Amino acid sequence: MMGRLRSFRLVPRRAPKQIVDPIIGVIARTGLTPNHISIIGFSGNLGAAVLAARGEFLWAGVVMLVFSAMDMLDGALARATGRATKFGAVFDATLDRMSEAALLGGLCFYFVERGQTEEAILSFAALAGSLLVSYVRAHALSQGLNMQDGLFTRAVRVILLAVVLMIDQVRIGLWILAVLTLATVVQRIYIAWQGLPEDALSDELEKERDS
């Protein structure tokens, strides 16, 4: 059971090399660093959040999809150019979370302004679930469990939200996001429960947990 939970993914972790490598070759010649790519991706998602807050869902979805694709490129560029660093990984992950928060926050603002309580609550629930999915993984990793898999990882969330924005089915998409992100949190907690030993936390790790 645990093995099936750990291996099941809706989309691959990385895009095919045949697609990514030529793009990376062009970007590398521009002199852009992986952190530059992360910042560009985040800036584009901020633009998508503004569009979503204004109710321009089609363009919000298009912009979100285009600039979230940067998430596949910064890591590949770092590996290809030998610039992969621990700070870069933290910086990229932080901007990824901020991108999701901005977009879902923009939707929440739009629905609150129009008195659409259900959609506003769903936007908040989807945001909380998305952040918790990553939070559980980060803390499992700090305890020595490299948890890469999950039902509703960021790539799945980005694709779903972009599509429902473009086809103007945001309410349905938010229901899916809210339910399945929280289901992924439960899935990852179960994986952590099965995969981590029942050792007592050291004082140092106890402080880290409480931070």
N, C-alpha and C. Protein backbone atom coordinates (compact mmCIF):
# COMPACT_ATOMS: atom_id res chain seq x y z
N MET A 1 0.83 -1.21 0.00
CA MET A 1 0.00 0.00 0.00
C MET A 1 0.87 1.26 0.00
N MET A 2 1.87 1.27 0.89
CA MET A 2 2.74 2.43 0.98
C MET A 2 3.49 2.66 -0.33
N GLY A 3 3.95 1.55 -0.96
CA GLY A 3 4.68 1.68 -2.22
C GLY A 3 3.84 2.32 -3.30
N ARG A 4 2.54 1.95 -3.36
CA ARG A 4 1.65 2.53 -4.37
C ARG A 4 1.44 4.01 -4.09
N LEU A 5 1.30 4.38 -2.82
CA LEU A 5 1.11 5.79 -2.46
C LEU A 5 2.34 6.61 -2.82
N ARG A 6 3.52 6.04 -2.64
CA ARG A 6 4.75 6.78 -2.88
C ARG A 6 5.01 6.96 -4.37
N SER A 7 4.59 6.01 -5.20
CA SER A 7 4.96 6.05 -6.61
C SER A 7 3.92 6.70 -7.51
N PHE A 8 2.70 6.90 -7.00
CA PHE A 8 1.63 7.39 -7.86
C PHE A 8 1.77 8.89 -8.11
N ARG A 9 1.82 9.29 -9.38
CA ARG A 9 1.88 10.69 -9.77
C ARG A 9 0.98 10.90 -10.98
N LEU A 10 0.32 12.05 -11.04
CA LEU A 10 -0.53 12.37 -12.18
C LEU A 10 0.27 12.89 -13.35
N VAL A 11 1.38 13.57 -13.08
CA VAL A 11 2.27 14.05 -14.15
C VAL A 11 3.71 13.74 -13.75
N PRO A 12 4.64 13.65 -14.72
CA PRO A 12 6.04 13.38 -14.39
C PRO A 12 6.65 14.52 -13.59
N ARG A 13 7.70 14.22 -12.84
CA ARG A 13 8.38 15.26 -12.07
C ARG A 13 9.09 16.25 -12.97
N ARG A 14 9.59 15.80 -14.09
CA ARG A 14 10.33 16.68 -15.00
C ARG A 14 9.81 16.51 -16.43
N ALA A 15 9.89 17.60 -17.19
CA ALA A 15 9.52 17.55 -18.60
C ALA A 15 10.56 16.75 -19.38
N PRO A 16 10.19 16.18 -20.54
CA PRO A 16 11.14 15.39 -21.33
C PRO A 16 12.37 16.21 -21.72
N LYS A 17 13.53 15.58 -21.66
CA LYS A 17 14.78 16.27 -21.99
C LYS A 17 14.79 16.76 -23.42
N GLN A 18 14.11 16.03 -24.33
CA GLN A 18 14.10 16.43 -25.73
C GLN A 18 13.47 17.81 -25.92
N ILE A 19 12.55 18.16 -25.01
CA ILE A 19 11.88 19.46 -25.08
C ILE A 19 12.67 20.51 -24.32
N VAL A 20 13.13 20.16 -23.13
CA VAL A 20 13.75 21.14 -22.24
C VAL A 20 15.17 21.51 -22.68
N ASP A 21 15.97 20.54 -23.08
CA ASP A 21 17.39 20.79 -23.36
C ASP A 21 17.63 21.87 -24.42
N PRO A 22 16.91 21.87 -25.56
CA PRO A 22 17.14 22.95 -26.53
C PRO A 22 16.80 24.34 -25.98
N ILE A 23 15.75 24.41 -25.17
CA ILE A 23 15.37 25.69 -24.56
C ILE A 23 16.44 26.15 -23.59
N ILE A 24 16.94 25.22 -22.79
CA ILE A 24 17.98 25.54 -21.82
C ILE A 24 19.25 26.02 -22.52
N GLY A 25 19.56 25.41 -23.65
CA GLY A 25 20.74 25.83 -24.41
C GLY A 25 20.65 27.28 -24.84
N VAL A 26 19.45 27.70 -25.28
CA VAL A 26 19.25 29.09 -25.70
C VAL A 26 19.35 30.03 -24.50
N ILE A 27 18.68 29.66 -23.38
CA ILE A 27 18.69 30.52 -22.18
C ILE A 27 20.11 30.67 -21.64
N ALA A 28 20.87 29.58 -21.64
CA ALA A 28 22.23 29.62 -21.09
C ALA A 28 23.10 30.64 -21.83
N ARG A 29 22.85 30.78 -23.13
CA ARG A 29 23.65 31.73 -23.92
C ARG A 29 23.28 33.18 -23.65
N THR A 30 22.14 33.43 -23.01
CA THR A 30 21.73 34.80 -22.70
C THR A 30 22.43 35.35 -21.45
N GLY A 31 22.99 34.46 -20.66
CA GLY A 31 23.63 34.89 -19.42
C GLY A 31 22.69 34.93 -18.23
N LEU A 32 21.43 34.57 -18.43
CA LEU A 32 20.49 34.53 -17.31
C LEU A 32 20.87 33.41 -16.35
N THR A 33 20.73 33.67 -15.07
CA THR A 33 21.01 32.66 -14.05
C THR A 33 19.71 31.95 -13.67
N PRO A 34 19.80 30.80 -12.98
CA PRO A 34 18.58 30.13 -12.51
C PRO A 34 17.72 31.03 -11.62
N ASN A 35 18.36 31.85 -10.78
CA ASN A 35 17.58 32.75 -9.92
C ASN A 35 16.85 33.80 -10.74
N HIS A 36 17.45 34.26 -11.83
CA HIS A 36 16.76 35.19 -12.72
C HIS A 36 15.49 34.55 -13.28
N ILE A 37 15.61 33.29 -13.69
CA ILE A 37 14.45 32.58 -14.25
C ILE A 37 13.36 32.45 -13.19
N SER A 38 13.76 32.15 -11.96
CA SER A 38 12.77 32.04 -10.87
C SER A 38 12.04 33.37 -10.67
N ILE A 39 12.79 34.46 -10.71
CA ILE A 39 12.18 35.78 -10.51
C ILE A 39 11.25 36.14 -11.66
N ILE A 40 11.64 35.82 -12.88
CA ILE A 40 10.78 36.08 -14.04
C ILE A 40 9.48 35.30 -13.91
N GLY A 41 9.59 34.03 -13.54
CA GLY A 41 8.39 33.21 -13.37
C GLY A 41 7.47 33.77 -12.30
N PHE A 42 8.04 34.19 -11.18
CA PHE A 42 7.24 34.77 -10.11
C PHE A 42 6.58 36.07 -10.55
N SER A 43 7.31 36.92 -11.24
CA SER A 43 6.76 38.20 -11.71
C SER A 43 5.59 37.97 -12.65
N GLY A 44 5.72 36.98 -13.54
CA GLY A 44 4.62 36.67 -14.44
C GLY A 44 3.39 36.19 -13.69
N ASN A 45 3.61 35.39 -12.65
CA ASN A 45 2.47 34.91 -11.86
C ASN A 45 1.81 36.02 -11.06
N LEU A 46 2.60 37.02 -10.66
CA LEU A 46 1.99 38.19 -10.02
C LEU A 46 1.06 38.90 -11.01
N GLY A 47 1.51 38.99 -12.26
CA GLY A 47 0.64 39.56 -13.29
C GLY A 47 -0.63 38.76 -13.47
N ALA A 48 -0.50 37.43 -13.45
CA ALA A 48 -1.68 36.57 -13.57
C ALA A 48 -2.62 36.78 -12.39
N ALA A 49 -2.06 36.99 -11.19
CA ALA A 49 -2.89 37.23 -10.01
C ALA A 49 -3.69 38.52 -10.15
N VAL A 50 -3.06 39.56 -10.70
CA VAL A 50 -3.77 40.83 -10.92
C VAL A 50 -4.90 40.63 -11.92
N LEU A 51 -4.63 39.89 -12.98
CA LEU A 51 -5.67 39.61 -13.98
C LEU A 51 -6.83 38.83 -13.36
N ALA A 52 -6.50 37.85 -12.51
CA ALA A 52 -7.55 37.06 -11.85
C ALA A 52 -8.38 37.94 -10.92
N ALA A 53 -7.72 38.84 -10.20
CA ALA A 53 -8.44 39.74 -9.29
C ALA A 53 -9.38 40.67 -10.04
N ARG A 54 -9.08 40.94 -11.30
CA ARG A 54 -9.92 41.80 -12.13
C ARG A 54 -10.98 41.00 -12.89
N GLY A 55 -10.96 39.68 -12.75
CA GLY A 55 -11.94 38.85 -13.43
C GLY A 55 -11.58 38.50 -14.86
N GLU A 56 -10.36 38.79 -15.28
CA GLU A 56 -9.92 38.45 -16.63
C GLU A 56 -9.32 37.04 -16.61
N PHE A 57 -10.20 36.06 -16.45
CA PHE A 57 -9.76 34.69 -16.18
C PHE A 57 -9.00 34.06 -17.35
N LEU A 58 -9.45 34.29 -18.57
CA LEU A 58 -8.79 33.68 -19.72
C LEU A 58 -7.32 34.08 -19.77
N TRP A 59 -7.05 35.38 -19.69
CA TRP A 59 -5.67 35.84 -19.77
C TRP A 59 -4.89 35.47 -18.51
N ALA A 60 -5.57 35.43 -17.37
CA ALA A 60 -4.89 34.99 -16.15
C ALA A 60 -4.39 33.56 -16.31
N GLY A 61 -5.22 32.68 -16.89
CA GLY A 61 -4.83 31.30 -17.10
C GLY A 61 -3.68 31.16 -18.07
N VAL A 62 -3.73 31.93 -19.16
CA VAL A 62 -2.66 31.87 -20.16
C VAL A 62 -1.34 32.34 -19.56
N VAL A 63 -1.37 33.50 -18.88
CA VAL A 63 -0.15 34.04 -18.29
C VAL A 63 0.40 33.11 -17.22
N MET A 64 -0.48 32.56 -16.40
CA MET A 64 -0.05 31.64 -15.35
C MET A 64 0.63 30.41 -15.94
N LEU A 65 0.05 29.84 -16.99
CA LEU A 65 0.61 28.64 -17.59
C LEU A 65 1.98 28.91 -18.19
N VAL A 66 2.10 30.04 -18.87
CA VAL A 66 3.37 30.37 -19.53
C VAL A 66 4.48 30.58 -18.50
N PHE A 67 4.19 31.40 -17.49
CA PHE A 67 5.26 31.75 -16.54
C PHE A 67 5.51 30.66 -15.51
N SER A 68 4.52 29.82 -15.24
CA SER A 68 4.77 28.69 -14.34
C SER A 68 5.66 27.65 -15.01
N ALA A 69 5.68 27.66 -16.34
CA ALA A 69 6.59 26.76 -17.05
C ALA A 69 8.04 27.07 -16.72
N MET A 70 8.30 28.31 -16.24
CA MET A 70 9.65 28.67 -15.83
C MET A 70 10.14 27.75 -14.71
N ASP A 71 9.20 27.19 -13.95
CA ASP A 71 9.56 26.31 -12.85
C ASP A 71 10.28 25.06 -13.35
N MET A 72 9.99 24.66 -14.59
CA MET A 72 10.66 23.50 -15.16
C MET A 72 12.04 23.87 -15.69
N LEU A 73 12.27 25.17 -15.88
CA LEU A 73 13.50 25.59 -16.55
C LEU A 73 14.60 26.02 -15.59
N ASP A 74 14.22 26.62 -14.43
CA ASP A 74 15.29 27.12 -13.56
C ASP A 74 16.15 26.00 -13.00
N GLY A 75 15.50 24.91 -12.58
CA GLY A 75 16.26 23.78 -12.07
C GLY A 75 17.11 23.12 -13.15
N ALA A 76 16.53 22.97 -14.35
CA ALA A 76 17.27 22.37 -15.46
C ALA A 76 18.45 23.24 -15.86
N LEU A 77 18.24 24.58 -15.84
CA LEU A 77 19.35 25.49 -16.16
C LEU A 77 20.45 25.39 -15.11
N ALA A 78 20.06 25.29 -13.84
CA ALA A 78 21.04 25.17 -12.76
C ALA A 78 21.89 23.91 -12.94
N ARG A 79 21.24 22.81 -13.26
CA ARG A 79 21.98 21.56 -13.44
C ARG A 79 22.87 21.62 -14.68
N ALA A 80 22.36 22.20 -15.76
CA ALA A 80 23.11 22.23 -17.02
C ALA A 80 24.33 23.14 -16.94
N THR A 81 24.25 24.21 -16.14
CA THR A 81 25.33 25.18 -16.07
C THR A 81 26.19 25.03 -14.81
N GLY A 82 25.89 24.02 -14.00
CA GLY A 82 26.66 23.81 -12.78
C GLY A 82 26.42 24.87 -11.73
N ARG A 83 25.23 25.50 -11.76
CA ARG A 83 24.92 26.58 -10.81
C ARG A 83 23.89 26.14 -9.76
N ALA A 84 23.69 24.86 -9.60
CA ALA A 84 22.73 24.39 -8.61
C ALA A 84 23.29 24.62 -7.21
N THR A 85 22.57 25.38 -6.41
CA THR A 85 23.00 25.68 -5.03
C THR A 85 21.86 25.42 -4.06
N LYS A 86 22.21 25.26 -2.79
CA LYS A 86 21.18 25.06 -1.78
C LYS A 86 20.31 26.31 -1.63
N PHE A 87 20.94 27.50 -1.70
CA PHE A 87 20.14 28.72 -1.63
C PHE A 87 19.19 28.82 -2.80
N GLY A 88 19.66 28.46 -4.00
CA GLY A 88 18.80 28.52 -5.18
C GLY A 88 17.58 27.64 -5.04
N ALA A 89 17.76 26.47 -4.44
CA ALA A 89 16.63 25.55 -4.24
C ALA A 89 15.61 26.17 -3.28
N VAL A 90 16.11 26.78 -2.18
CA VAL A 90 15.21 27.42 -1.23
C VAL A 90 14.51 28.62 -1.86
N PHE A 91 15.26 29.43 -2.59
CA PHE A 91 14.72 30.62 -3.25
C PHE A 91 13.63 30.23 -4.25
N ASP A 92 13.90 29.23 -5.07
CA ASP A 92 12.94 28.77 -6.07
C ASP A 92 11.67 28.25 -5.41
N ALA A 93 11.83 27.42 -4.37
CA ALA A 93 10.67 26.85 -3.69
C ALA A 93 9.83 27.94 -3.04
N THR A 94 10.49 28.95 -2.47
CA THR A 94 9.76 30.04 -1.84
C THR A 94 8.94 30.83 -2.86
N LEU A 95 9.55 31.15 -4.00
CA LEU A 95 8.83 31.89 -5.04
C LEU A 95 7.69 31.05 -5.63
N ASP A 96 7.87 29.75 -5.71
CA ASP A 96 6.78 28.87 -6.18
C ASP A 96 5.57 28.99 -5.26
N ARG A 97 5.83 28.92 -3.95
CA ARG A 97 4.72 29.03 -2.99
C ARG A 97 4.06 30.41 -3.08
N MET A 98 4.89 31.46 -3.23
CA MET A 98 4.35 32.81 -3.33
C MET A 98 3.54 32.99 -4.61
N SER A 99 3.94 32.33 -5.67
CA SER A 99 3.18 32.41 -6.92
C SER A 99 1.78 31.82 -6.75
N GLU A 100 1.71 30.65 -6.13
CA GLU A 100 0.41 30.03 -5.88
C GLU A 100 -0.45 30.89 -4.97
N ALA A 101 0.19 31.42 -3.92
CA ALA A 101 -0.55 32.25 -2.97
C ALA A 101 -1.10 33.49 -3.66
N ALA A 102 -0.30 34.10 -4.53
CA ALA A 102 -0.74 35.31 -5.22
C ALA A 102 -1.94 35.02 -6.12
N LEU A 103 -1.87 33.94 -6.89
CA LEU A 103 -2.96 33.64 -7.82
C LEU A 103 -4.25 33.31 -7.09
N LEU A 104 -4.17 32.44 -6.09
CA LEU A 104 -5.36 32.08 -5.34
C LEU A 104 -5.85 33.26 -4.49
N GLY A 105 -4.92 34.09 -4.04
CA GLY A 105 -5.32 35.30 -3.33
C GLY A 105 -6.06 36.26 -4.24
N GLY A 106 -5.60 36.36 -5.49
CA GLY A 106 -6.29 37.21 -6.46
C GLY A 106 -7.71 36.73 -6.71
N LEU A 107 -7.88 35.42 -6.82
CA LEU A 107 -9.22 34.86 -7.00
C LEU A 107 -10.08 35.12 -5.78
N CYS A 108 -9.51 34.95 -4.59
CA CYS A 108 -10.25 35.19 -3.35
C CYS A 108 -10.73 36.64 -3.30
N PHE A 109 -9.86 37.57 -3.67
CA PHE A 109 -10.23 38.99 -3.70
C PHE A 109 -11.39 39.23 -4.65
N TYR A 110 -11.31 38.62 -5.84
CA TYR A 110 -12.36 38.80 -6.84
C TYR A 110 -13.71 38.33 -6.31
N PHE A 111 -13.73 37.17 -5.67
CA PHE A 111 -15.00 36.61 -5.21
C PHE A 111 -15.53 37.34 -3.97
N VAL A 112 -14.62 37.76 -3.08
CA VAL A 112 -15.06 38.53 -1.91
C VAL A 112 -15.70 39.84 -2.34
N GLU A 113 -15.10 40.51 -3.32
CA GLU A 113 -15.63 41.77 -3.81
C GLU A 113 -17.05 41.63 -4.37
N ARG A 114 -17.36 40.44 -4.86
CA ARG A 114 -18.67 40.20 -5.47
C ARG A 114 -19.61 39.44 -4.55
N GLY A 115 -19.19 39.23 -3.32
CA GLY A 115 -20.05 38.56 -2.35
C GLY A 115 -20.27 37.09 -2.63
N GLN A 116 -19.37 36.46 -3.38
CA GLN A 116 -19.49 35.04 -3.69
C GLN A 116 -18.74 34.24 -2.62
N THR A 117 -19.44 34.00 -1.53
CA THR A 117 -18.81 33.43 -0.34
C THR A 117 -18.25 32.04 -0.58
N GLU A 118 -19.01 31.19 -1.26
CA GLU A 118 -18.54 29.81 -1.49
C GLU A 118 -17.22 29.79 -2.23
N GLU A 119 -17.13 30.56 -3.31
CA GLU A 119 -15.91 30.58 -4.10
C GLU A 119 -14.74 31.18 -3.32
N ALA A 120 -15.04 32.20 -2.49
CA ALA A 120 -13.98 32.80 -1.68
C ALA A 120 -13.43 31.79 -0.67
N ILE A 121 -14.31 31.04 -0.03
CA ILE A 121 -13.88 30.02 0.94
C ILE A 121 -13.08 28.92 0.23
N LEU A 122 -13.54 28.52 -0.95
CA LEU A 122 -12.83 27.49 -1.71
C LEU A 122 -11.43 27.97 -2.11
N SER A 123 -11.31 29.25 -2.47
CA SER A 123 -10.00 29.80 -2.82
C SER A 123 -9.06 29.71 -1.63
N PHE A 124 -9.57 30.06 -0.45
CA PHE A 124 -8.76 29.99 0.77
C PHE A 124 -8.39 28.54 1.08
N ALA A 125 -9.35 27.62 0.96
CA ALA A 125 -9.08 26.21 1.25
C ALA A 125 -8.05 25.64 0.28
N ALA A 126 -8.16 26.01 -1.00
CA ALA A 126 -7.19 25.55 -2.00
C ALA A 126 -5.80 26.09 -1.69
N LEU A 127 -5.74 27.36 -1.26
CA LEU A 127 -4.45 27.96 -0.90
C LEU A 127 -3.85 27.25 0.31
N ALA A 128 -4.66 27.04 1.34
CA ALA A 128 -4.16 26.36 2.54
C ALA A 128 -3.67 24.95 2.20
N GLY A 129 -4.45 24.23 1.41
CA GLY A 129 -4.06 22.87 1.03
C GLY A 129 -2.77 22.85 0.23
N SER A 130 -2.63 23.80 -0.72
CA SER A 130 -1.43 23.85 -1.55
C SER A 130 -0.18 24.10 -0.70
N LEU A 131 -0.28 25.03 0.25
CA LEU A 131 0.86 25.32 1.10
C LEU A 131 1.19 24.14 2.01
N LEU A 132 0.15 23.46 2.52
CA LEU A 132 0.38 22.34 3.42
C LEU A 132 1.02 21.14 2.70
N VAL A 133 0.68 20.95 1.43
CA VAL A 133 1.30 19.87 0.66
C VAL A 133 2.82 20.02 0.67
N SER A 134 3.28 21.25 0.42
CA SER A 134 4.71 21.51 0.41
C SER A 134 5.30 21.51 1.82
N TYR A 135 4.52 21.98 2.77
CA TYR A 135 4.99 22.06 4.16
C TYR A 135 5.28 20.66 4.71
N VAL A 136 4.37 19.72 4.47
CA VAL A 136 4.57 18.35 4.96
C VAL A 136 5.82 17.75 4.33
N ARG A 137 6.00 17.97 3.04
CA ARG A 137 7.19 17.44 2.37
C ARG A 137 8.47 18.03 2.95
N ALA A 138 8.47 19.35 3.17
CA ALA A 138 9.66 20.01 3.69
C ALA A 138 10.04 19.47 5.06
N HIS A 139 9.05 19.25 5.93
CA HIS A 139 9.36 18.76 7.27
C HIS A 139 9.72 17.28 7.24
N ALA A 140 9.13 16.51 6.34
CA ALA A 140 9.54 15.11 6.20
C ALA A 140 11.00 15.04 5.75
N LEU A 141 11.36 15.95 4.82
CA LEU A 141 12.74 15.99 4.33
C LEU A 141 13.71 16.36 5.45
N SER A 142 13.29 17.27 6.34
CA SER A 142 14.15 17.66 7.45
C SER A 142 14.39 16.51 8.42
N GLN A 143 13.49 15.51 8.39
CA GLN A 143 13.63 14.33 9.25
C GLN A 143 14.28 13.16 8.50
N GLY A 144 14.73 13.42 7.27
CA GLY A 144 15.46 12.41 6.53
C GLY A 144 14.65 11.60 5.54
N LEU A 145 13.38 11.96 5.32
CA LEU A 145 12.54 11.23 4.37
C LEU A 145 12.37 12.07 3.11
N ASN A 146 12.96 11.61 2.01
CA ASN A 146 12.89 12.34 0.74
C ASN A 146 11.56 12.04 0.06
N MET A 147 10.58 12.87 0.30
CA MET A 147 9.22 12.65 -0.18
C MET A 147 8.98 13.47 -1.45
N GLN A 148 9.06 12.84 -2.61
CA GLN A 148 8.89 13.52 -3.89
C GLN A 148 7.49 13.36 -4.46
N ASP A 149 6.81 12.31 -4.07
CA ASP A 149 5.56 11.97 -4.74
C ASP A 149 4.34 12.49 -3.99
N GLY A 150 3.22 12.48 -4.69
CA GLY A 150 1.96 12.93 -4.12
C GLY A 150 0.94 13.06 -5.23
N LEU A 151 -0.32 12.94 -4.86
CA LEU A 151 -1.40 12.98 -5.85
C LEU A 151 -1.48 14.33 -6.55
N PHE A 152 -1.55 15.42 -5.77
CA PHE A 152 -1.74 16.76 -6.33
C PHE A 152 -0.52 17.62 -6.05
N THR A 153 0.56 17.35 -6.80
CA THR A 153 1.77 18.14 -6.67
C THR A 153 1.60 19.47 -7.40
N ARG A 154 2.61 20.34 -7.32
CA ARG A 154 2.46 21.70 -7.85
C ARG A 154 2.16 21.69 -9.35
N ALA A 155 2.84 20.83 -10.10
CA ALA A 155 2.61 20.82 -11.55
C ALA A 155 1.15 20.53 -11.88
N VAL A 156 0.55 19.58 -11.16
CA VAL A 156 -0.86 19.24 -11.39
C VAL A 156 -1.75 20.42 -11.02
N ARG A 157 -1.44 21.07 -9.90
CA ARG A 157 -2.25 22.21 -9.46
C ARG A 157 -2.19 23.35 -10.46
N VAL A 158 -1.00 23.63 -10.97
CA VAL A 158 -0.82 24.72 -11.94
C VAL A 158 -1.62 24.44 -13.21
N ILE A 159 -1.49 23.21 -13.73
CA ILE A 159 -2.18 22.87 -14.98
C ILE A 159 -3.69 22.95 -14.80
N LEU A 160 -4.18 22.38 -13.69
CA LEU A 160 -5.63 22.40 -13.45
C LEU A 160 -6.14 23.83 -13.33
N LEU A 161 -5.48 24.64 -12.51
CA LEU A 161 -5.97 26.00 -12.29
C LEU A 161 -5.91 26.82 -13.57
N ALA A 162 -4.84 26.67 -14.33
CA ALA A 162 -4.73 27.41 -15.60
C ALA A 162 -5.85 27.01 -16.56
N VAL A 163 -6.13 25.73 -16.65
CA VAL A 163 -7.16 25.25 -17.57
C VAL A 163 -8.54 25.75 -17.17
N VAL A 164 -8.88 25.64 -15.87
CA VAL A 164 -10.22 26.05 -15.45
C VAL A 164 -10.40 27.57 -15.58
N LEU A 165 -9.30 28.32 -15.43
CA LEU A 165 -9.38 29.76 -15.67
C LEU A 165 -9.67 30.03 -17.14
N MET A 166 -8.99 29.33 -18.01
CA MET A 166 -9.13 29.60 -19.45
C MET A 166 -10.50 29.18 -19.98
N ILE A 167 -11.11 28.16 -19.37
CA ILE A 167 -12.43 27.71 -19.85
C ILE A 167 -13.56 28.24 -18.97
N ASP A 168 -13.21 29.14 -18.03
CA ASP A 168 -14.19 29.81 -17.17
C ASP A 168 -15.01 28.81 -16.35
N GLN A 169 -14.31 27.86 -15.74
CA GLN A 169 -14.94 26.90 -14.83
C GLN A 169 -14.20 26.94 -13.49
N VAL A 170 -14.04 28.16 -12.97
CA VAL A 170 -13.21 28.35 -11.79
C VAL A 170 -13.82 27.68 -10.56
N ARG A 171 -15.12 27.77 -10.40
CA ARG A 171 -15.76 27.19 -9.22
C ARG A 171 -15.50 25.68 -9.14
N ILE A 172 -15.68 24.99 -10.25
CA ILE A 172 -15.43 23.55 -10.28
C ILE A 172 -13.96 23.26 -9.99
N GLY A 173 -13.08 24.04 -10.60
CA GLY A 173 -11.65 23.84 -10.38
C GLY A 173 -11.26 24.06 -8.93
N LEU A 174 -11.85 25.06 -8.29
CA LEU A 174 -11.53 25.32 -6.89
C LEU A 174 -12.01 24.20 -5.98
N TRP A 175 -13.17 23.62 -6.29
CA TRP A 175 -13.64 22.46 -5.53
C TRP A 175 -12.63 21.31 -5.64
N ILE A 176 -12.18 21.05 -6.86
CA ILE A 176 -11.21 19.98 -7.07
C ILE A 176 -9.92 20.26 -6.32
N LEU A 177 -9.43 21.49 -6.44
CA LEU A 177 -8.19 21.87 -5.75
C LEU A 177 -8.33 21.75 -4.24
N ALA A 178 -9.43 22.28 -3.70
CA ALA A 178 -9.62 22.27 -2.25
C ALA A 178 -9.65 20.85 -1.71
N VAL A 179 -10.39 19.97 -2.38
CA VAL A 179 -10.54 18.59 -1.89
C VAL A 179 -9.26 17.79 -2.09
N LEU A 180 -8.68 17.86 -3.28
CA LEU A 180 -7.56 16.98 -3.59
C LEU A 180 -6.23 17.48 -3.02
N THR A 181 -6.07 18.77 -2.80
CA THR A 181 -4.85 19.20 -2.11
C THR A 181 -4.87 18.72 -0.66
N LEU A 182 -6.03 18.84 -0.02
CA LEU A 182 -6.13 18.36 1.36
C LEU A 182 -5.99 16.83 1.42
N ALA A 183 -6.49 16.13 0.39
CA ALA A 183 -6.29 14.68 0.32
C ALA A 183 -4.81 14.35 0.17
N THR A 184 -4.08 15.19 -0.57
CA THR A 184 -2.64 14.97 -0.75
C THR A 184 -1.89 15.20 0.55
N VAL A 185 -2.35 16.17 1.33
CA VAL A 185 -1.75 16.39 2.66
C VAL A 185 -1.90 15.12 3.51
N VAL A 186 -3.09 14.55 3.52
CA VAL A 186 -3.33 13.31 4.28
C VAL A 186 -2.45 12.19 3.74
N GLN A 187 -2.36 12.08 2.39
CA GLN A 187 -1.53 11.06 1.77
C GLN A 187 -0.07 11.19 2.22
N ARG A 188 0.45 12.41 2.21
CA ARG A 188 1.86 12.61 2.57
C ARG A 188 2.09 12.39 4.07
N ILE A 189 1.13 12.75 4.88
CA ILE A 189 1.27 12.47 6.31
C ILE A 189 1.31 10.96 6.54
N TYR A 190 0.48 10.23 5.81
CA TYR A 190 0.48 8.76 5.93
C TYR A 190 1.83 8.19 5.50
N ILE A 191 2.38 8.71 4.38
CA ILE A 191 3.68 8.25 3.90
C ILE A 191 4.75 8.53 4.95
N ALA A 192 4.68 9.73 5.55
CA ALA A 192 5.65 10.08 6.60
C ALA A 192 5.51 9.16 7.80
N TRP A 193 4.28 8.86 8.17
CA TRP A 193 4.01 7.97 9.31
C TRP A 193 4.60 6.58 9.06
N GLN A 194 4.47 6.11 7.83
CA GLN A 194 4.98 4.79 7.49
C GLN A 194 6.50 4.79 7.29
N GLY A 195 7.04 5.92 6.81
CA GLY A 195 8.44 5.93 6.41
C GLY A 195 9.43 6.44 7.42
N LEU A 196 8.96 7.13 8.46
CA LEU A 196 9.87 7.68 9.45
C LEU A 196 9.93 6.79 10.69
N PRO A 197 11.11 6.60 11.25
CA PRO A 197 11.23 5.77 12.46
C PRO A 197 10.61 6.48 13.66
N GLU A 198 10.28 5.70 14.68
CA GLU A 198 9.64 6.24 15.88
C GLU A 198 10.68 6.73 16.89
N ASP A 199 11.74 7.35 16.38
CA ASP A 199 12.77 7.87 17.28
C ASP A 199 12.31 9.18 17.91
N ALA A 200 12.78 9.44 19.12
CA ALA A 200 12.48 10.71 19.77
C ALA A 200 13.26 11.83 19.08
N LEU A 201 12.66 13.02 19.02
CA LEU A 201 13.33 14.16 18.43
C LEU A 201 14.45 14.65 19.35
N SER A 202 15.55 15.05 18.73
CA SER A 202 16.60 15.70 19.50
C SER A 202 16.15 17.12 19.84
N ASP A 203 16.83 17.76 20.79
CA ASP A 203 16.47 19.13 21.16
C ASP A 203 16.57 20.07 19.96
N GLU A 204 17.59 19.84 19.12
CA GLU A 204 17.79 20.70 17.94
C GLU A 204 16.63 20.57 16.96
N LEU A 205 16.19 19.34 16.73
CA LEU A 205 15.07 19.12 15.80
C LEU A 205 13.77 19.61 16.41
N GLU A 206 13.63 19.52 17.72
CA GLU A 206 12.44 20.02 18.38
C GLU A 206 12.31 21.52 18.18
N LYS A 207 13.44 22.24 18.29
CA LYS A 207 13.43 23.67 18.05
C LYS A 207 13.08 23.98 16.60
N GLU A 208 13.62 23.18 15.67
CA GLU A 208 13.35 23.38 14.25
C GLU A 208 11.86 23.19 13.96
N ARG A 209 11.24 22.19 14.59
CA ARG A 209 9.81 21.94 14.38
C ARG A 209 8.97 23.11 14.84
N ASP A 210 9.37 23.74 15.93
CA ASP A 210 8.59 24.83 16.50
C ASP A 210 8.84 26.17 15.84
N SER A 211 9.82 26.24 14.93
CA SER A 211 10.16 27.53 14.33
C SER A 211 9.17 27.94 13.26
